Amino acid sequence: MKKSRHFNSITDAIFRLLIIIGLGSCASTKIGLPLPSGNIAIPEQRTYQYNNTATTRQEIIDYWSKGVLTDWTDGEKVDFKNPRTVIGCLLAGVRLEEVNQYLLKQKATGKNGSRWLLNPKGGYDFTAMAFTPVLYLFDYKPDILFPATKKHLVEQILTIEGDRFTKNLPHTWFKDSENHILMAESARYLKNQWLRNNGNTESRYNNLTNGVEDGLKTYLQEIYDYGMYEFNADPYLGYSYASLLNLNAFANGEIQTLATKILDKINWQYALSSFQFKHFPPYRRRFKATLTREIYSDYHSVMLMVWAGMLTTNSLITTNLKRARTNLAPTKKTIIPDFPQGKHHALWAAMLPYKPTDKVMQWSLQKPQSYFVKMGHGFNSCPEISSGDAHYLISSGGANQGRSSLIMPKPTVLFLEDNAKQLKATFHMYGPGKNFMHWNNTGVYQDFACTKGLVNIPKDKKPAIVAQGWQLFEIVEGTYLATFSQAELGLMVIVRASTATDALNNILTLNPDKQLYITQFKHPNGNFIEYDLNAPKNKWVITAVNNIPVDRQFDHWPFFEGNINKP
């Protein structure tokens, strides 16, 4: 697969230049029409309790408090580990003299915004965003953040300030990328707010009159109405996420409310598209050369794992958390220290006050009932489609809409209650071919998935029955996975039956003609599903259900549409 993903280097370089100056609608949020909310509400209730002295939280802080601090070089990006090490030490109350003296020697090394030809020192917003919590968390703790250090932090390190709110890439009229806008403008807003709260009356620091609050409020509202442009972005979502957590923790009024609403929405998306921290969704930005990465290591999973590790109430949640941890790291009491990536974002979940809603935590850890949901991501994008229950989850892989869409599709994956950590350890399928630019992996419906390609079966999974082209695998007592796999036809079907033989007989009785499998399938659950495996990449592969045509134009699908059934 790797070879087929290598593009001509000159073409790639030209394309990257076009993207960085804003062509191809790079990182724009307000495109097309706002998406309707759909028929599945975003949960709001928060009753679960969290333990701020939990082992999980302390492990993250201890990990960063042991980091190595390096001096900053003018014009170069500050190593992301430096602010995290500073925060870890301050939170742990260790190395305080060293850390304060270290900060007094550093000063801003660049400008905000993406780094490019006309902004060669760009990218400092990564650092400003990361150091913003230091100012707020330790503002009135002079024994931890020394007064001279705080003054230096305000004057020489947190340099994104004033009335220059902008969404544009520096020295252009094109929008910068979403994560850069959120990092820079959240840092600006919070620096201005702190100055005003501490007696600075200069008009350029008054967010209410200098345009910063209005600009940030409008931008956050766009993200909420249209969805995050860099949805599931690897690695960019983590930095947007941290910026929103900063606003939730330290802003006030509508800015805080909007940041919280966005966090609640994307966490609900995660809860419905993940299974016990396994998460392998399509995303926007940065094409990857390989699909061998872990299926539980994205930055969003890290956040939910930290919060799950801090839960103190609800025995069902606690039991399911232990089960999920055992599956992923059976020899460890906690899997946080061994998480492949994302420890720098885990610190934000550990130290700031935001906590997800109860349903987000519940559904992230264990699906309480069977469900099917389609989640739209808007113009020139692709949806996420999930079907599952307490024992499995089918996760669609999406489809690229052309290189300028920056959509990275994935295989359609079946997650189970096992210790699978990489794609090869899962049932999955993709197609046509091995080049992700040609895939349309949106062929998912209730307990059903199809694609124009083979079903990849893990080596350690042994079928209960192999007959007439079908292989049946027991998921849990009374529930089976049936796979049918040919060169340009892959089916994964979840069937409930007393035995594997009964499951197979149910399939064959309803679908005796294998020639029809290429376009239709009568599911033992009662659905008659029709599909087009050659569907254009901007349309849902499913064409009709129970002889009723479906809405295939997924660029205007609601945020959450589907059914969440009663047990």
Protein backbone atom coordinates (compact mmCIF):
# COMPACT_ATOMS: atom_id res chain seq x y z
CA MET A 1 0.00 0.00 0.00
CA LYS A 2 2.80 2.37 0.76
CA LYS A 3 4.14 2.57 -2.77
CA SER A 4 0.76 3.46 -4.26
CA ARG A 5 0.48 6.47 -1.97
CA HIS A 6 3.65 8.19 -3.11
CA PHE A 7 2.83 11.17 -5.27
CA ASN A 8 5.15 12.92 -7.69
CA SER A 9 7.36 15.10 -5.48
CA ILE A 10 7.19 18.19 -7.70
CA THR A 11 3.39 17.98 -7.96
CA ASP A 12 3.16 17.48 -4.21
CA ALA A 13 5.37 20.50 -3.52
CA ILE A 14 3.26 22.70 -5.79
CA PHE A 15 0.08 21.45 -4.15
CA ARG A 16 1.41 22.15 -0.66
CA LEU A 17 2.27 25.69 -1.73
CA LEU A 18 -1.26 26.22 -3.06
CA ILE A 19 -2.69 24.88 0.18
CA ILE A 20 -0.50 27.03 2.39
CA ILE A 21 -1.53 30.25 0.63
CA GLY A 22 -5.14 29.34 1.00
CA LEU A 23 -6.30 27.86 -2.30
CA GLY A 24 -8.45 24.75 -2.32
CA SER A 25 -10.46 26.18 0.61
CA CYS A 26 -7.68 25.29 3.03
CA ALA A 27 -8.79 25.11 6.64
CA SER A 28 -11.90 27.16 6.00
CA THR A 29 -14.82 26.65 8.34
CA LYS A 30 -17.71 28.60 6.80
CA ILE A 31 -18.29 26.80 3.49
CA GLY A 32 -21.57 25.54 2.09
CA LEU A 33 -24.49 25.72 4.50
CA PRO A 34 -24.73 25.25 8.26
CA LEU A 35 -25.55 21.67 9.14
CA PRO A 36 -28.82 20.79 10.88
CA SER A 37 -28.45 19.21 14.29
CA GLY A 38 -30.34 16.03 13.38
CA ASN A 39 -32.57 13.75 15.44
CA ILE A 40 -30.01 12.68 18.06
CA ALA A 41 -29.48 15.37 20.67
CA ILE A 42 -26.06 16.33 22.00
CA PRO A 43 -26.17 15.34 25.69
CA GLU A 44 -25.78 18.08 28.29
CA GLN A 45 -26.20 16.44 31.71
CA ARG A 46 -23.17 16.24 33.99
CA THR A 47 -23.56 14.36 37.25
CA TYR A 48 -20.51 12.09 37.34
CA GLN A 49 -17.80 12.94 39.83
CA TYR A 50 -14.07 13.08 39.08
CA ASN A 51 -11.10 12.65 41.39
CA ASN A 52 -8.42 15.32 41.03
CA THR A 53 -6.00 13.12 42.98
CA ALA A 54 -6.57 10.09 40.73
CA THR A 55 -3.58 7.95 39.85
CA THR A 56 -4.11 8.59 36.14
CA ARG A 57 -3.89 12.36 36.59
CA GLN A 58 -0.86 12.13 38.85
CA GLU A 59 0.97 9.83 36.44
CA ILE A 60 0.63 12.38 33.65
CA ILE A 61 1.86 15.24 35.83
CA ASP A 62 4.76 13.17 37.16
CA TYR A 63 5.73 12.15 33.64
CA TRP A 64 6.06 15.76 32.51
CA SER A 65 7.71 16.95 35.73
CA LYS A 66 10.69 14.75 34.85
CA GLY A 67 11.21 16.30 31.41
CA VAL A 68 14.36 18.00 30.14
CA LEU A 69 14.22 21.77 29.56
CA THR A 70 16.02 23.22 26.54
CA ASP A 71 16.70 26.86 25.67
CA TRP A 72 14.81 28.48 22.81
CA THR A 73 16.51 29.65 19.62
CA ASP A 74 15.31 32.76 17.83
CA GLY A 75 13.33 31.93 14.71
CA GLU A 76 12.97 28.25 15.53
CA LYS A 77 9.88 26.55 16.89
CA VAL A 78 9.98 25.93 20.62
CA ASP A 79 10.07 22.21 21.39
CA PHE A 80 6.51 21.30 22.46
CA LYS A 81 7.96 19.42 25.45
CA ASN A 82 9.28 22.57 27.13
CA PRO A 83 5.96 24.19 28.16
CA ARG A 84 4.62 20.79 29.23
CA THR A 85 7.65 20.15 31.39
CA VAL A 86 7.27 23.60 32.96
CA ILE A 87 3.58 22.97 33.68
CA GLY A 88 4.28 19.49 35.03
CA CYS A 89 6.87 20.81 37.46
CA LEU A 90 4.65 23.66 38.63
CA LEU A 91 1.68 21.34 39.14
CA ALA A 92 3.84 18.83 41.02
CA GLY A 93 5.58 21.55 43.03
CA VAL A 94 9.04 20.28 42.07
CA ARG A 95 12.13 21.88 40.50
CA LEU A 96 10.56 25.28 41.19
CA GLU A 97 13.79 27.27 41.38
CA GLU A 98 15.07 25.62 38.21
CA VAL A 99 11.85 26.21 36.29
CA ASN A 100 11.53 29.86 37.31
CA GLN A 101 15.14 30.59 36.40
CA TYR A 102 14.65 28.77 33.13
CA LEU A 103 11.62 30.88 32.17
CA LEU A 104 13.47 34.09 33.02
CA LYS A 105 16.05 33.21 30.34
CA GLN A 106 13.52 32.59 27.54
CA LYS A 107 11.65 34.98 25.28
CA ALA A 108 9.34 34.73 22.29
CA THR A 109 11.04 33.26 19.25
CA GLY A 110 8.53 33.96 16.51
CA LYS A 111 5.15 35.13 15.28
CA ASN A 112 1.70 33.61 15.34
CA GLY A 113 0.20 31.94 12.30
CA SER A 114 1.36 29.17 9.98
CA ARG A 115 5.01 29.19 9.01
CA TRP A 116 5.57 29.87 5.31
CA LEU A 117 7.64 31.94 2.88
CA LEU A 118 6.29 35.32 4.05
CA ASN A 119 6.04 34.29 7.70
CA PRO A 120 9.32 32.39 8.27
CA LYS A 121 9.09 32.66 12.07
CA GLY A 122 5.48 31.52 12.26
CA GLY A 123 4.17 28.88 14.61
CA TYR A 124 4.74 30.67 17.91
CA ASP A 125 1.03 30.25 18.70
CA PHE A 126 1.83 26.64 19.68
CA THR A 127 3.97 28.04 22.49
CA ALA A 128 1.71 30.94 23.49
CA MET A 129 -1.32 28.67 23.76
CA ALA A 130 0.63 26.16 25.83
CA PHE A 131 1.95 28.74 28.31
CA THR A 132 -1.41 30.52 28.75
CA PRO A 133 -2.58 28.14 31.52
CA VAL A 134 0.57 28.93 33.51
CA LEU A 135 -0.55 32.54 33.86
CA TYR A 136 -4.01 31.57 35.11
CA LEU A 137 -3.30 28.47 37.17
CA PHE A 138 -0.44 30.03 39.15
CA ASP A 139 -1.36 33.71 39.06
CA TYR A 140 -1.82 33.97 42.83
CA LYS A 141 0.79 31.39 43.84
CA PRO A 142 4.02 33.41 44.16
CA ASP A 143 5.73 30.54 45.93
CA ILE A 144 5.31 28.47 42.73
CA LEU A 145 5.39 31.06 39.92
CA PHE A 146 7.69 33.75 41.26
CA PRO A 147 6.54 37.37 40.78
CA ALA A 148 9.52 38.22 38.56
CA THR A 149 8.86 35.13 36.47
CA LYS A 150 5.18 36.02 36.06
CA LYS A 151 6.13 39.53 34.91
CA HIS A 152 8.59 38.08 32.40
CA LEU A 153 5.98 35.57 31.21
CA VAL A 154 3.51 38.35 30.51
CA GLU A 155 5.98 40.68 28.83
CA GLN A 156 8.37 38.37 26.98
CA ILE A 157 6.69 35.01 26.42
CA LEU A 158 2.94 35.56 26.03
CA THR A 159 3.37 38.05 23.19
CA ILE A 160 0.16 37.44 21.24
CA GLU A 161 -2.02 40.29 22.47
CA GLY A 162 -3.93 43.44 21.59
CA ASP A 163 -6.55 44.31 19.00
CA ARG A 164 -5.22 42.48 15.95
CA PHE A 165 -7.77 39.65 15.84
CA THR A 166 -7.42 37.83 12.54
CA LYS A 167 -8.30 34.57 10.87
CA ASN A 168 -5.96 35.18 7.98
CA LEU A 169 -2.67 33.57 7.11
CA PRO A 170 -0.04 36.25 7.84
CA HIS A 171 0.53 38.62 4.91
CA THR A 172 -2.40 37.22 2.89
CA TRP A 173 -6.15 37.55 2.71
CA PHE A 174 -6.66 33.77 2.93
CA LYS A 175 -7.77 31.97 6.07
CA ASP A 176 -5.10 30.35 8.17
CA SER A 177 -5.63 26.78 9.36
CA GLU A 178 -8.22 26.16 12.05
CA ASN A 179 -5.79 25.05 14.75
CA HIS A 180 -3.57 28.12 14.25
CA ILE A 181 -6.55 30.47 14.45
CA LEU A 182 -7.79 28.85 17.64
CA MET A 183 -4.37 28.77 19.28
CA ALA A 184 -3.44 32.36 18.42
CA GLU A 185 -6.79 34.00 19.07
CA SER A 186 -7.53 32.11 22.29
CA ALA A 187 -4.08 33.15 23.55
CA ARG A 188 -4.74 36.76 22.51
CA TYR A 189 -8.17 36.84 24.13
CA LEU A 190 -6.96 35.36 27.42
CA LYS A 191 -3.84 37.55 27.59
CA ASN A 192 -5.98 40.67 27.03
CA GLN A 193 -8.49 39.50 29.63
CA TRP A 194 -5.75 38.93 32.20
CA LEU A 195 -4.28 42.39 31.59
CA ARG A 196 -7.67 44.05 32.01
CA ASN A 197 -8.36 42.04 35.16
CA ASN A 198 -5.05 43.23 36.54
CA GLY A 199 -5.63 46.93 36.00
CA ASN A 200 -4.46 47.65 32.43
CA THR A 201 -6.97 50.10 30.94
CA GLU A 202 -5.47 50.51 27.47
CA SER A 203 -8.22 50.23 24.87
CA ARG A 204 -6.27 47.75 22.73
CA TYR A 205 -6.59 45.19 25.54
CA ASN A 206 -10.34 45.63 26.02
CA ASN A 207 -11.82 42.54 24.33
CA LEU A 208 -15.31 44.05 24.47
CA THR A 209 -14.37 47.03 22.29
CA ASN A 210 -11.26 46.05 20.33
CA GLY A 211 -12.94 43.47 18.09
CA VAL A 212 -11.31 40.43 19.67
CA GLU A 213 -14.38 39.12 21.51
CA ASP A 214 -16.67 39.73 18.54
CA GLY A 215 -14.21 38.10 16.14
CA LEU A 216 -13.60 35.07 18.34
CA LYS A 217 -17.28 34.68 19.13
CA THR A 218 -18.18 34.74 15.43
CA TYR A 219 -15.48 32.20 14.62
CA LEU A 220 -16.50 29.81 17.40
CA GLN A 221 -20.12 30.08 16.28
CA GLU A 222 -19.05 29.17 12.73
CA ILE A 223 -17.27 26.07 14.04
CA TYR A 224 -20.34 25.07 16.01
CA ASP A 225 -22.73 25.66 13.09
CA TYR A 226 -20.64 24.16 10.30
CA GLY A 227 -18.56 21.66 12.26
CA MET A 228 -14.83 21.58 12.74
CA TYR A 229 -13.02 21.81 9.40
CA GLU A 230 -10.07 19.85 10.79
CA PHE A 231 -12.31 17.10 12.15
CA ASN A 232 -10.42 14.19 13.71
CA ALA A 233 -7.30 15.89 12.30
CA ASP A 234 -4.04 14.06 12.93
CA PRO A 235 -2.22 15.78 14.62
CA TYR A 236 -3.98 19.14 14.52
CA LEU A 237 -7.14 18.35 16.51
CA GLY A 238 -5.11 18.08 19.71
CA TYR A 239 -3.98 21.71 19.48
CA SER A 240 -7.48 22.98 18.68
CA TYR A 241 -8.76 20.87 21.54
CA ALA A 242 -6.26 22.38 24.00
CA SER A 243 -7.20 25.89 22.86
CA LEU A 244 -10.89 25.18 23.48
CA LEU A 245 -10.09 23.72 26.90
CA ASN A 246 -8.20 26.93 27.73
CA LEU A 247 -11.25 28.99 26.77
CA ASN A 248 -13.56 26.74 28.76
CA ALA A 249 -11.32 27.08 31.82
CA PHE A 250 -10.42 30.77 31.75
CA ALA A 251 -12.83 32.74 29.52
CA ASN A 252 -16.23 34.04 30.55
CA GLY A 253 -19.67 34.53 29.06
CA GLU A 254 -20.46 33.58 25.48
CA ILE A 255 -16.86 32.68 24.60
CA GLN A 256 -16.73 30.12 27.38
CA THR A 257 -20.19 28.82 26.48
CA LEU A 258 -19.35 28.37 22.80
CA ALA A 259 -16.05 26.64 23.56
CA THR A 260 -17.91 24.25 25.87
CA LYS A 261 -20.61 23.54 23.27
CA ILE A 262 -17.98 22.70 20.64
CA LEU A 263 -16.18 20.38 23.05
CA ASP A 264 -19.45 18.66 23.93
CA LYS A 265 -20.29 18.17 20.24
CA ILE A 266 -16.95 16.70 19.17
CA ASN A 267 -16.85 14.48 22.28
CA TRP A 268 -20.29 13.12 21.41
CA GLN A 269 -19.01 12.41 17.90
CA TYR A 270 -16.10 10.53 19.44
CA ALA A 271 -18.34 8.56 21.79
CA LEU A 272 -20.51 7.36 18.90
CA SER A 273 -17.62 6.51 16.55
CA SER A 274 -15.23 4.81 19.01
CA PHE A 275 -15.29 1.54 20.91
CA GLN A 276 -13.49 1.25 24.25
CA PHE A 277 -10.94 3.89 23.12
CA LYS A 278 -10.43 2.24 19.72
CA HIS A 279 -10.92 4.94 17.12
CA PHE A 280 -9.95 4.89 13.45
CA PRO A 281 -12.07 7.51 11.67
CA PRO A 282 -11.53 9.43 8.44
CA TYR A 283 -10.08 12.87 9.03
CA ARG A 284 -9.10 16.10 7.28
CA ARG A 285 -5.52 17.25 6.65
CA ARG A 286 -2.16 15.53 6.22
CA PHE A 287 -2.21 12.40 4.12
CA LYS A 288 -0.48 9.45 5.77
CA ALA A 289 1.85 7.06 3.99
CA THR A 290 0.76 4.04 5.99
CA LEU A 291 -2.27 2.63 7.78
CA THR A 292 -0.34 0.48 10.24
CA ARG A 293 -0.66 2.94 13.10
CA GLU A 294 -2.44 2.02 16.29
CA ILE A 295 -6.23 2.15 16.30
CA TYR A 296 -6.40 3.54 19.84
CA SER A 297 -3.73 6.21 19.81
CA ASP A 298 -5.32 9.30 18.31
CA TYR A 299 -5.26 12.53 20.29
CA HIS A 300 -8.98 12.49 20.96
CA SER A 301 -8.78 9.06 22.60
CA VAL A 302 -6.13 10.36 24.98
CA MET A 303 -8.48 13.00 26.36
CA LEU A 304 -11.31 10.54 27.02
CA MET A 305 -8.92 8.03 28.58
CA VAL A 306 -7.68 10.63 31.04
CA TRP A 307 -11.19 11.62 32.09
CA ALA A 308 -12.22 7.97 32.35
CA GLY A 309 -9.25 7.40 34.63
CA MET A 310 -10.45 10.21 36.89
CA LEU A 311 -14.03 8.98 37.28
CA THR A 312 -15.08 8.24 40.85
CA THR A 313 -18.77 7.33 40.52
CA ASN A 314 -21.02 4.89 38.69
CA SER A 315 -20.02 1.25 39.03
CA LEU A 316 -21.03 0.44 35.44
CA ILE A 317 -18.56 3.01 34.14
CA THR A 318 -15.85 1.76 36.47
CA THR A 319 -16.39 -1.86 35.40
CA ASN A 320 -16.31 -1.01 31.72
CA LEU A 321 -13.22 1.15 32.14
CA LYS A 322 -11.39 -1.77 33.74
CA ARG A 323 -12.49 -4.07 30.91
CA ALA A 324 -11.30 -1.64 28.24
CA ARG A 325 -7.94 -1.19 29.96
CA THR A 326 -7.51 -4.94 30.32
CA ASN A 327 -8.16 -5.43 26.61
CA LEU A 328 -5.59 -2.84 25.56
CA ALA A 329 -2.91 -3.37 28.19
CA PRO A 330 -3.61 -6.57 30.12
CA THR A 331 -0.42 -6.41 32.22
CA LYS A 332 -0.78 -2.76 33.27
CA LYS A 333 -2.89 -1.13 35.94
CA THR A 334 -3.18 1.89 33.66
CA ILE A 335 -2.33 2.36 30.02
CA ILE A 336 -1.73 6.12 30.11
CA PRO A 337 2.09 6.04 30.54
CA ASP A 338 2.42 3.60 27.64
CA PHE A 339 0.12 5.46 25.28
CA PRO A 340 1.90 5.76 21.92
CA GLN A 341 1.28 9.49 21.50
CA GLY A 342 -0.66 12.39 22.92
CA LYS A 343 0.82 12.73 26.40
CA HIS A 344 1.29 16.45 25.75
CA HIS A 345 -2.45 16.82 25.19
CA ALA A 346 -3.30 14.46 28.04
CA LEU A 347 -1.89 17.12 30.36
CA TRP A 348 -4.70 19.50 29.35
CA ALA A 349 -7.39 16.95 30.20
CA ALA A 350 -5.68 16.28 33.53
CA MET A 351 -5.16 19.86 34.70
CA LEU A 352 -8.18 21.85 33.43
CA PRO A 353 -11.76 21.74 34.76
CA TYR A 354 -13.74 20.67 31.67
CA LYS A 355 -15.32 17.23 31.92
CA PRO A 356 -17.52 15.54 29.29
CA THR A 357 -21.22 14.93 29.75
CA ASP A 358 -22.36 11.73 31.41
CA LYS A 359 -23.56 10.12 28.16
CA VAL A 360 -20.24 10.86 26.43
CA MET A 361 -18.38 8.98 29.14
CA GLN A 362 -20.93 6.17 29.19
CA TRP A 363 -20.95 5.67 25.42
CA SER A 364 -17.17 6.04 25.13
CA LEU A 365 -16.64 3.18 27.54
CA GLN A 366 -19.45 0.79 26.67
CA LYS A 367 -22.38 1.19 24.33
CA PRO A 368 -25.46 0.74 26.53
CA GLN A 369 -27.73 -0.25 23.62
CA SER A 370 -27.71 -1.00 19.90
CA TYR A 371 -27.62 1.99 17.56
CA PHE A 372 -26.96 3.31 14.07
CA VAL A 373 -25.82 6.87 13.40
CA LYS A 374 -24.68 8.99 10.46
CA MET A 375 -22.59 12.04 11.36
CA GLY A 376 -22.17 14.74 8.73
CA HIS A 377 -19.04 16.85 8.34
CA GLY A 378 -20.27 19.24 5.68
CA PHE A 379 -19.12 20.60 2.34
CA ASN A 380 -16.39 18.81 0.35
CA SER A 381 -16.00 16.33 3.17
CA CYS A 382 -17.12 12.85 4.16
CA PRO A 383 -19.33 11.52 6.93
CA GLU A 384 -18.73 9.09 9.75
CA ILE A 385 -21.18 6.20 9.96
CA SER A 386 -21.35 3.81 12.91
CA SER A 387 -23.38 0.76 13.85
CA GLY A 388 -22.91 -1.18 17.03
CA ASP A 389 -23.91 -2.33 20.47
CA ALA A 390 -22.18 -3.29 23.71
CA HIS A 391 -20.00 -5.91 21.99
CA TYR A 392 -18.93 -4.45 18.65
CA LEU A 393 -18.79 -1.35 16.46
CA ILE A 394 -18.67 -1.00 12.68
CA SER A 395 -16.87 2.24 11.79
CA SER A 396 -17.01 3.55 8.22
CA GLY A 397 -13.86 4.77 6.51
CA GLY A 398 -15.14 7.66 4.44
CA ALA A 399 -14.01 8.90 1.03
CA ASN A 400 -11.57 11.48 -0.33
CA GLN A 401 -13.14 14.29 -2.39
CA GLY A 402 -10.00 15.15 -4.37
CA ARG A 403 -6.61 16.22 -3.09
CA SER A 404 -7.71 19.74 -2.25
CA SER A 405 -10.36 18.33 0.11
CA LEU A 406 -7.53 17.04 2.32
CA ILE A 407 -9.72 14.11 3.39
CA MET A 408 -7.79 11.07 4.58
CA PRO A 409 -10.16 8.10 4.27
CA LYS A 410 -9.72 4.94 6.28
CA PRO A 411 -10.81 1.33 5.88
CA THR A 412 -14.19 0.32 7.27
CA VAL A 413 -13.31 -1.40 10.56
CA LEU A 414 -15.05 -3.76 12.96
CA PHE A 415 -14.02 -3.14 16.57
CA LEU A 416 -14.53 -5.98 19.05
CA GLU A 417 -13.99 -6.62 22.75
CA ASP A 418 -10.43 -7.80 22.22
CA ASN A 419 -6.88 -6.52 22.60
CA ALA A 420 -6.46 -5.40 18.98
CA LYS A 421 -4.15 -2.41 18.83
CA GLN A 422 -3.39 -2.11 15.13
CA LEU A 423 -5.46 -2.25 11.98
CA LYS A 424 -4.11 -5.66 10.98
CA ALA A 425 -5.63 -7.15 14.14
CA THR A 426 -9.15 -6.11 13.13
CA PHE A 427 -11.71 -7.21 10.57
CA HIS A 428 -11.57 -4.44 7.99
CA MET A 429 -12.10 -3.73 4.31
CA TYR A 430 -11.50 -0.99 1.78
CA GLY A 431 -11.73 -0.43 -1.91
CA PRO A 432 -11.56 -0.20 -4.78
CA GLY A 433 -7.85 -1.00 -4.96
CA LYS A 434 -5.13 -0.01 -2.53
CA ASN A 435 -4.88 3.71 -3.32
CA PHE A 436 -6.97 5.59 -0.76
CA MET A 437 -7.65 8.35 -3.29
CA HIS A 438 -10.01 5.93 -5.07
CA TRP A 439 -11.86 4.56 -2.06
CA ASN A 440 -15.48 5.05 -1.12
CA ASN A 441 -15.81 3.36 2.26
CA THR A 442 -19.19 4.83 3.21
CA GLY A 443 -21.10 1.58 2.64
CA VAL A 444 -22.30 1.10 6.22
CA TYR A 445 -25.83 0.60 7.47
CA GLN A 446 -27.40 -1.03 10.54
CA ASP A 447 -25.31 -4.17 11.29
CA PHE A 448 -24.03 -4.16 7.71
CA ALA A 449 -21.03 -2.97 5.68
CA CYS A 450 -20.03 -3.37 2.05
CA THR A 451 -17.21 -2.19 -0.16
CA LYS A 452 -15.56 -2.83 -3.50
CA GLY A 453 -12.72 -4.90 -2.07
CA LEU A 454 -11.75 -7.86 0.06
CA VAL A 455 -12.55 -8.43 3.72
CA ASN A 456 -9.29 -8.56 5.67
CA ILE A 457 -9.54 -11.18 8.42
CA PRO A 458 -7.08 -11.18 11.37
CA LYS A 459 -4.82 -14.22 11.48
CA ASP A 460 -5.90 -15.17 14.99
CA LYS A 461 -9.63 -15.21 14.20
CA LYS A 462 -10.96 -18.68 13.39
CA PRO A 463 -14.38 -19.10 11.77
CA ALA A 464 -17.07 -21.26 13.33
CA ILE A 465 -18.37 -22.11 9.85
CA VAL A 466 -17.02 -21.80 6.30
CA ALA A 467 -19.63 -22.54 3.63
CA GLN A 468 -20.77 -21.23 0.23
CA GLY A 469 -18.35 -18.33 0.28
CA TRP A 470 -19.34 -17.22 3.77
CA GLN A 471 -17.26 -17.32 6.94
CA LEU A 472 -18.98 -16.89 10.29
CA PHE A 473 -17.23 -15.80 13.47
CA GLU A 474 -18.76 -15.70 16.93
CA ILE A 475 -18.62 -12.23 18.47
CA VAL A 476 -20.47 -13.14 21.65
CA GLU A 477 -23.06 -15.76 22.42
CA GLY A 478 -26.00 -15.18 20.09
CA THR A 479 -24.20 -12.68 17.83
CA TYR A 480 -22.10 -13.57 14.76
CA LEU A 481 -20.06 -11.78 12.13
CA ALA A 482 -20.63 -13.16 8.62
CA THR A 483 -18.09 -12.19 5.95
CA PHE A 484 -18.25 -12.64 2.19
CA SER A 485 -15.10 -11.71 0.31
CA GLN A 486 -14.25 -11.56 -3.38
CA ALA A 487 -11.83 -9.41 -5.37
CA GLU A 488 -14.30 -6.53 -5.79
CA LEU A 489 -16.95 -7.38 -3.23
CA GLY A 490 -16.67 -7.39 0.52
CA LEU A 491 -19.55 -7.83 2.97
CA MET A 492 -19.51 -7.77 6.77
CA VAL A 493 -22.86 -8.64 8.33
CA ILE A 494 -23.76 -8.84 12.01
CA VAL A 495 -26.35 -11.57 12.56
CA ARG A 496 -28.15 -12.52 15.77
CA ALA A 497 -28.98 -16.22 15.98
CA SER A 498 -28.80 -19.14 18.39
CA THR A 499 -25.97 -20.83 16.51
CA ALA A 500 -23.60 -20.10 13.64
CA THR A 501 -25.49 -22.62 11.54
CA ASP A 502 -28.75 -20.82 12.13
CA ALA A 503 -27.10 -17.49 11.25
CA LEU A 504 -25.78 -18.89 7.97
CA ASN A 505 -29.10 -20.52 7.09
CA ASN A 506 -30.89 -17.23 7.71
CA ILE A 507 -28.53 -15.46 5.31
CA LEU A 508 -28.76 -18.11 2.58
CA THR A 509 -32.54 -18.40 2.80
CA LEU A 510 -32.95 -14.67 2.25
CA ASN A 511 -30.09 -14.36 -0.27
CA PRO A 512 -29.95 -17.53 -2.39
CA ASP A 513 -28.58 -15.81 -5.53
CA LYS A 514 -24.96 -14.77 -4.98
CA GLN A 515 -25.01 -12.83 -8.24
CA LEU A 516 -27.20 -10.25 -6.50
CA TYR A 517 -24.69 -9.64 -3.71
CA ILE A 518 -22.99 -7.04 -5.89
CA THR A 519 -26.00 -4.71 -5.54
CA GLN A 520 -28.30 -5.90 -2.75
CA PHE A 521 -28.61 -7.84 0.49
CA LYS A 522 -31.59 -8.97 2.54
CA HIS A 523 -30.51 -8.75 6.15
CA PRO A 524 -31.88 -11.26 8.67
CA ASN A 525 -32.74 -8.25 10.86
CA GLY A 526 -35.47 -7.36 8.34
CA ASN A 527 -33.77 -4.69 6.24
CA PHE A 528 -33.49 -4.96 2.48
CA ILE A 529 -30.35 -2.97 1.63
CA GLU A 530 -29.41 -1.84 -1.88
CA TYR A 531 -26.05 -0.30 -2.73
CA ASP A 532 -23.76 0.87 -5.50
CA LEU A 533 -20.17 -0.28 -5.02
CA ASN A 534 -19.14 2.06 -7.86
CA ALA A 535 -20.74 5.08 -6.22
CA PRO A 536 -19.01 8.41 -6.88
CA LYS A 537 -16.94 9.48 -3.91
CA ASN A 538 -19.31 12.29 -2.95
CA LYS A 539 -22.28 9.97 -2.45
CA TRP A 540 -23.27 7.36 0.11
CA VAL A 541 -22.73 3.84 -1.18
CA ILE A 542 -26.14 2.79 0.18
CA THR A 543 -28.87 3.63 -2.36
CA ALA A 544 -32.10 2.35 -0.78
CA VAL A 545 -33.40 0.63 2.34
CA ASN A 546 -36.60 -1.42 2.22
CA ASN A 547 -37.22 -0.13 -1.32
CA ILE A 548 -37.12 3.50 -0.18
CA PRO A 549 -34.33 5.62 -1.75
CA VAL A 550 -32.02 7.22 0.81
CA ASP A 551 -30.45 10.68 0.85
CA ARG A 552 -27.02 9.94 -0.58
CA GLN A 553 -25.71 13.53 -0.79
CA PHE A 554 -23.83 13.42 2.49
CA ASP A 555 -22.30 16.90 2.30
CA HIS A 556 -25.53 18.28 3.83
CA TRP A 557 -26.22 15.45 6.29
CA PRO A 558 -27.02 16.58 9.86
CA PHE A 559 -24.45 16.34 12.61
CA PHE A 560 -26.27 13.38 14.21
CA GLU A 561 -28.93 11.35 12.40
CA GLY A 562 -29.98 7.79 13.11
CA ASN A 563 -31.51 5.68 15.82
CA ILE A 564 -30.52 4.77 19.34
CA ASN A 565 -32.72 1.83 20.18
CA LYS A 566 -33.95 0.63 23.52
CA PRO A 567 -32.28 -2.58 24.73
